[in-house]
């Protein structure tokens, strides 16, 4: 400090000491002033622009819509289709993270060496999803409607069906040389886990042998390529959704193979008190599909149908009327009963219910008693594992 002041000319030591003390005081005052600048005062008013930016940022945070689905390629394709339709209908769901796909494994997916009937029915594909929905782990669940029982857990509803795909069954032969079931050589082996298909196949030719054939579409086609069976049947809807319909040797019309109740339809389920999810999925509902599916499910419910009873049922709207065809059979195809009905679309559920009740009355109690008494092995015949 002395050298610094000396450079400006002669100064006394006292003046230099005084100047040094003043310099220290000024530095201390400056530091104190800087420190207080970073301490927020209690009554400082925040600028309006900062507050509005914070509010906008909070408002832009979207609570994800969680979609529950099984993990098979077909189930995922249906979940992605649902996501695409939601994003097209609601711009806020196009934001990153606005929709989550939650994959779950059901008991029906995990046990593939037993028939659905042996495992206890189709609810095996929905139970875990129901639990997740009621437990608020997901907001909506996407289902293949033919896998959904006619009853739903309390607190859930299924108000939405997407536009329906082709409902028919695809016939797939090992080398493509046969296009119809009737043309298969006697004693040919057909892979199917469906009693509905088995009954209609064996009604055409009792010498044909149906064996349990479960797993996803890719697994079944691989078994066909490996020569495990001579032919198999799959819903053409599932093949189309995965762009695999080229695998079909032929597509069977209703006269050749009446499809399952609700086949080709996708359903979306949510909690009955979840207004946000209801708003979203109501916008996706396809009224004509919903009308036909409701008719078919009412028919199935009237028959108290399960995986131990071969039942088929399909509805279409033709010239403004619901036209319904239904079928019930013995698993070996030895007995097969058909019904038809039609009426106004607003009466769809009643049309299906009456058709089921009339068919149930016509076949008689003896038919259903026999079904109850038969063991799974008797119903299915030989099961390959």
Foldseek 3Di string as FASTA:
>chain_A
DVVVVPVVPDDDPVVVVVVVVVVVVVVVVVVVVVVVVPDDDPPDDDDPVVVVVVVVVVVLDADAAEEEFEDFPLGVLQVVVLLVVLCVVDVSCVDPRNYHYDYDHFPPQVDQQDFCVVVPFLCRRCPVVLVCQVVVVHFKYKDLVLSDALDDDPQKDWPAKFDFDDQFKFKAFLVLPDRALLPDDFQFEEEDSALLVLLLSLLSPLRYAYAHADDDPVRRVVCSPVVVGGIYMDGCLSCVSVVNNVRGSYTDDCVSGFGAQSGRIMIMMGGPPPVVVCVSRVVRHDLQSVLFNLLSSLLCVLLVDTRLWNKHKTWHQDPQKIKIKIKTAQSSNPDIDIDIFMDHSVCSSVRSNVRNNVRDVVVDPVVVVVSVPDDPCRNNPDYDD
